[in-house]
């Protein structure tokens, strides 16, 4: 599994519509509207690097209202939430 984090700058007036269009793309697991230098942070989770290119270059970048993107590939995941979920299996 390959996880990519994509920073998206979008047309300000269209951020909600852009976020919804991106969230509907296959391979996109989450879209966050954020403060700061970018408007949206998109989590892409796919089987291989070629699929990252398909999602980001072939689809996400072509969503109307997307001005620019910056893609980061994750090497490892460190998450307390994942550990909590694993240890809570079977707990009532």
N, C-alpha and C. Protein backbone atom coordinates (compact mmCIF):
# COMPACT_ATOMS: atom_id res chain seq x y z
N UNK A 1 0.85 -1.18 0.00
CA UNK A 1 0.00 0.00 0.00
C UNK A 1 0.89 1.24 0.00
N UNK A 2 0.57 2.17 -0.87
CA UNK A 2 1.29 3.44 -0.95
C UNK A 2 0.35 4.54 -0.47
N UNK A 3 0.85 5.36 0.44
CA UNK A 3 0.08 6.51 0.91
C UNK A 3 0.77 7.77 0.41
N UNK A 4 -0.02 8.63 -0.21
CA UNK A 4 0.48 9.93 -0.66
C UNK A 4 -0.34 11.01 0.01
N UNK A 5 0.34 12.06 0.44
CA UNK A 5 -0.31 13.22 1.02
C UNK A 5 -0.18 14.33 -0.01
N UNK A 6 -1.30 14.87 -0.46
CA UNK A 6 -1.29 15.87 -1.52
C UNK A 6 -1.80 17.19 -0.97
N UNK A 7 -0.96 18.24 -1.08
CA UNK A 7 -1.36 19.59 -0.71
C UNK A 7 -1.98 20.23 -1.94
N UNK A 8 -3.16 20.79 -1.78
CA UNK A 8 -3.89 21.37 -2.91
C UNK A 8 -4.19 22.85 -2.65
N UNK A 9 -3.85 23.66 -3.62
CA UNK A 9 -4.31 25.05 -3.64
C UNK A 9 -5.48 25.11 -4.61
N UNK A 10 -6.57 25.72 -4.15
CA UNK A 10 -7.79 25.74 -4.95
C UNK A 10 -8.34 27.16 -5.03
N UNK A 11 -9.22 27.36 -6.00
CA UNK A 11 -9.92 28.63 -6.08
C UNK A 11 -10.72 28.80 -4.79
N UNK A 12 -10.48 29.89 -4.07
CA UNK A 12 -11.05 30.08 -2.74
C UNK A 12 -12.57 29.95 -2.73
N UNK A 13 -13.22 30.53 -3.68
CA UNK A 13 -14.69 30.51 -3.72
C UNK A 13 -15.25 29.12 -4.01
N UNK A 14 -14.39 28.20 -4.44
CA UNK A 14 -14.87 26.88 -4.85
C UNK A 14 -14.32 25.75 -3.98
N UNK A 15 -13.72 26.07 -2.86
CA UNK A 15 -13.08 25.03 -2.03
C UNK A 15 -14.03 23.88 -1.68
N UNK A 16 -15.25 24.14 -1.21
CA UNK A 16 -16.13 23.00 -0.89
C UNK A 16 -16.42 22.09 -2.09
N UNK A 17 -16.68 22.68 -3.25
CA UNK A 17 -16.97 21.87 -4.44
C UNK A 17 -15.73 21.11 -4.91
N UNK A 18 -14.58 21.75 -4.83
CA UNK A 18 -13.33 21.09 -5.22
C UNK A 18 -13.07 19.92 -4.28
N UNK A 19 -13.25 20.13 -2.98
CA UNK A 19 -13.03 19.07 -1.99
C UNK A 19 -13.96 17.88 -2.24
N UNK A 20 -15.22 18.15 -2.54
CA UNK A 20 -16.18 17.07 -2.80
C UNK A 20 -15.82 16.30 -4.07
N UNK A 21 -15.39 17.01 -5.10
CA UNK A 21 -15.01 16.34 -6.35
C UNK A 21 -13.78 15.46 -6.14
N UNK A 22 -12.83 15.96 -5.38
CA UNK A 22 -11.61 15.18 -5.10
C UNK A 22 -11.95 13.96 -4.24
N UNK A 23 -12.79 14.15 -3.23
CA UNK A 23 -13.16 13.05 -2.34
C UNK A 23 -13.84 11.90 -3.09
N UNK A 24 -14.47 12.20 -4.21
CA UNK A 24 -15.16 11.18 -5.00
C UNK A 24 -14.22 10.37 -5.90
N UNK A 25 -12.96 10.78 -6.00
CA UNK A 25 -12.03 10.07 -6.89
C UNK A 25 -11.61 8.73 -6.29
N UNK A 26 -11.54 7.68 -7.11
CA UNK A 26 -11.03 6.39 -6.62
C UNK A 26 -9.60 6.56 -6.13
N UNK A 27 -9.30 5.99 -4.98
CA UNK A 27 -7.96 6.07 -4.41
C UNK A 27 -7.82 7.17 -3.37
N UNK A 28 -8.77 8.09 -3.33
CA UNK A 28 -8.74 9.17 -2.33
C UNK A 28 -9.51 8.68 -1.11
N UNK A 29 -8.83 8.66 0.05
CA UNK A 29 -9.49 8.19 1.27
C UNK A 29 -10.03 9.32 2.12
N UNK A 30 -9.37 10.47 2.10
CA UNK A 30 -9.81 11.60 2.92
C UNK A 30 -9.42 12.91 2.25
N UNK A 31 -10.22 13.94 2.51
CA UNK A 31 -9.90 15.30 2.08
C UNK A 31 -10.17 16.21 3.27
N UNK A 32 -9.18 17.02 3.62
CA UNK A 32 -9.31 17.95 4.74
C UNK A 32 -9.19 19.38 4.24
N UNK A 33 -10.11 20.23 4.66
CA UNK A 33 -9.99 21.67 4.43
C UNK A 33 -9.17 22.20 5.60
N UNK A 34 -8.10 22.94 5.30
CA UNK A 34 -7.16 23.35 6.35
C UNK A 34 -6.82 24.84 6.25
N UNK A 35 -6.20 25.33 7.31
CA UNK A 35 -5.68 26.69 7.29
C UNK A 35 -4.21 26.63 6.88
N UNK A 36 -3.67 27.75 6.48
CA UNK A 36 -2.26 27.81 6.14
C UNK A 36 -2.02 28.06 4.68
N UNK A 37 -0.88 27.60 4.20
CA UNK A 37 -0.44 27.90 2.83
C UNK A 37 -1.21 27.12 1.77
N UNK A 38 -1.88 26.04 2.15
CA UNK A 38 -2.68 25.27 1.20
C UNK A 38 -4.14 25.27 1.65
N UNK A 39 -5.02 24.91 0.75
CA UNK A 39 -6.45 24.92 1.06
C UNK A 39 -6.98 23.55 1.47
N UNK A 40 -6.43 22.51 0.85
CA UNK A 40 -6.88 21.14 1.10
C UNK A 40 -5.69 20.22 1.28
N UNK A 41 -5.85 19.23 2.14
CA UNK A 41 -4.88 18.14 2.24
C UNK A 41 -5.64 16.86 1.89
N UNK A 42 -5.10 16.13 0.93
CA UNK A 42 -5.76 14.94 0.40
C UNK A 42 -4.91 13.72 0.72
N UNK A 43 -5.54 12.69 1.24
CA UNK A 43 -4.87 11.42 1.50
C UNK A 43 -5.22 10.46 0.37
N UNK A 44 -4.20 9.97 -0.31
CA UNK A 44 -4.37 9.01 -1.39
C UNK A 44 -3.77 7.69 -0.92
N UNK A 45 -4.54 6.62 -0.99
CA UNK A 45 -4.07 5.29 -0.58
C UNK A 45 -4.34 4.33 -1.72
N UNK A 46 -3.27 3.85 -2.33
CA UNK A 46 -3.37 2.97 -3.50
C UNK A 46 -2.35 1.84 -3.38
N UNK A 47 -2.42 0.89 -4.31
CA UNK A 47 -1.55 -0.28 -4.25
C UNK A 47 -0.12 -0.02 -4.69
N UNK A 48 0.09 0.90 -5.65
CA UNK A 48 1.46 1.10 -6.16
C UNK A 48 1.66 2.54 -6.63
N UNK A 49 2.91 2.86 -6.93
CA UNK A 49 3.27 4.23 -7.31
C UNK A 49 2.62 4.65 -8.63
N UNK A 50 2.44 3.73 -9.55
CA UNK A 50 1.78 4.07 -10.81
C UNK A 50 0.37 4.58 -10.55
N UNK A 51 -0.30 3.98 -9.57
CA UNK A 51 -1.66 4.42 -9.25
C UNK A 51 -1.67 5.81 -8.60
N UNK A 52 -0.60 6.16 -7.87
CA UNK A 52 -0.50 7.52 -7.34
C UNK A 52 -0.50 8.50 -8.50
N UNK A 53 0.29 8.20 -9.52
CA UNK A 53 0.35 9.07 -10.70
C UNK A 53 -1.01 9.16 -11.38
N UNK A 54 -1.72 8.04 -11.47
CA UNK A 54 -3.04 8.05 -12.09
C UNK A 54 -4.02 8.94 -11.32
N UNK A 55 -4.00 8.81 -10.00
CA UNK A 55 -4.93 9.60 -9.18
C UNK A 55 -4.56 11.08 -9.22
N UNK A 56 -3.29 11.39 -8.97
CA UNK A 56 -2.89 12.79 -8.83
C UNK A 56 -2.76 13.47 -10.19
N UNK A 57 -1.93 12.94 -11.06
CA UNK A 57 -1.65 13.61 -12.33
C UNK A 57 -2.81 13.51 -13.32
N UNK A 58 -3.44 12.34 -13.36
CA UNK A 58 -4.47 12.12 -14.38
C UNK A 58 -5.88 12.56 -13.96
N UNK A 59 -6.12 12.65 -12.65
CA UNK A 59 -7.48 12.97 -12.20
C UNK A 59 -7.54 14.20 -11.30
N UNK A 60 -6.85 14.16 -10.17
CA UNK A 60 -6.95 15.24 -9.19
C UNK A 60 -6.54 16.59 -9.78
N UNK A 61 -5.43 16.62 -10.49
CA UNK A 61 -4.95 17.88 -11.09
C UNK A 61 -5.91 18.44 -12.12
N UNK A 62 -6.81 17.61 -12.62
CA UNK A 62 -7.76 18.05 -13.66
C UNK A 62 -9.11 18.46 -13.10
N UNK A 63 -9.27 18.38 -11.77
CA UNK A 63 -10.53 18.82 -11.16
C UNK A 63 -10.63 20.33 -11.32
N UNK A 64 -11.76 20.78 -11.81
CA UNK A 64 -11.99 22.21 -12.01
C UNK A 64 -11.88 22.94 -10.67
N UNK A 65 -11.05 23.96 -10.63
CA UNK A 65 -10.85 24.73 -9.40
C UNK A 65 -9.54 24.44 -8.71
N UNK A 66 -8.85 23.35 -9.10
CA UNK A 66 -7.53 23.05 -8.55
C UNK A 66 -6.52 23.95 -9.25
N UNK A 67 -5.77 24.71 -8.45
CA UNK A 67 -4.76 25.62 -9.00
C UNK A 67 -3.38 24.99 -9.04
N UNK A 68 -3.03 24.24 -7.98
CA UNK A 68 -1.73 23.56 -7.94
C UNK A 68 -1.76 22.47 -6.88
N UNK A 69 -0.81 21.53 -7.02
CA UNK A 69 -0.69 20.45 -6.04
C UNK A 69 0.78 20.22 -5.70
N UNK A 70 0.99 19.65 -4.55
CA UNK A 70 2.33 19.21 -4.12
C UNK A 70 2.14 17.86 -3.45
N UNK A 71 2.80 16.84 -3.97
CA UNK A 71 2.58 15.47 -3.52
C UNK A 71 3.76 14.96 -2.70
N UNK A 72 3.45 14.32 -1.57
CA UNK A 72 4.45 13.72 -0.69
C UNK A 72 4.11 12.25 -0.52
N UNK A 73 5.09 11.38 -0.72
CA UNK A 73 4.90 9.94 -0.53
C UNK A 73 5.33 9.58 0.89
N UNK A 74 4.49 8.85 1.59
CA UNK A 74 4.80 8.43 2.96
C UNK A 74 5.66 7.17 2.94
N UNK A 75 6.72 7.17 3.75
CA UNK A 75 7.57 5.97 3.90
C UNK A 75 7.00 5.02 4.94
N UNK A 76 6.67 5.56 6.11
CA UNK A 76 6.13 4.76 7.22
C UNK A 76 5.01 5.53 7.89
N UNK A 77 4.14 4.81 8.57
CA UNK A 77 3.06 5.44 9.33
C UNK A 77 3.29 5.19 10.82
N UNK A 78 3.22 6.23 11.59
CA UNK A 78 3.31 6.15 13.04
C UNK A 78 2.05 6.79 13.59
N UNK A 79 1.20 5.97 14.21
CA UNK A 79 -0.08 6.50 14.65
C UNK A 79 -0.54 5.85 15.94
N UNK A 80 -0.80 6.65 16.95
CA UNK A 80 -1.37 6.15 18.19
C UNK A 80 -2.75 5.58 17.93
N UNK A 81 -3.50 6.20 17.00
CA UNK A 81 -4.85 5.73 16.69
C UNK A 81 -4.83 4.31 16.16
N UNK A 82 -3.86 3.97 15.31
CA UNK A 82 -3.76 2.61 14.78
C UNK A 82 -3.49 1.62 15.91
N UNK A 83 -2.60 1.99 16.83
CA UNK A 83 -2.29 1.10 17.95
C UNK A 83 -3.49 0.92 18.86
N UNK A 84 -4.22 1.99 19.13
CA UNK A 84 -5.42 1.90 19.96
C UNK A 84 -6.45 0.98 19.33
N UNK A 85 -6.62 1.08 18.03
CA UNK A 85 -7.59 0.23 17.33
C UNK A 85 -7.18 -1.23 17.41
N UNK A 86 -5.89 -1.51 17.24
CA UNK A 86 -5.42 -2.89 17.27
C UNK A 86 -5.63 -3.52 18.64
N UNK A 87 -5.39 -2.77 19.71
CA UNK A 87 -5.51 -3.30 21.05
C UNK A 87 -6.95 -3.33 21.55
N UNK A 88 -7.86 -2.68 20.86
CA UNK A 88 -9.25 -2.67 21.31
C UNK A 88 -10.08 -3.73 20.62
N UNK A 89 -9.45 -4.55 19.76
CA UNK A 89 -10.21 -5.60 19.08
C UNK A 89 -10.82 -6.55 20.08
N UNK A 90 -12.10 -6.79 19.94
CA UNK A 90 -12.79 -7.71 20.84
C UNK A 90 -13.23 -7.07 22.14
N UNK A 91 -12.83 -5.84 22.38
CA UNK A 91 -13.25 -5.18 23.62
C UNK A 91 -14.70 -4.72 23.49
N UNK A 92 -15.43 -4.84 24.57
CA UNK A 92 -16.85 -4.46 24.52
C UNK A 92 -17.07 -3.11 25.14
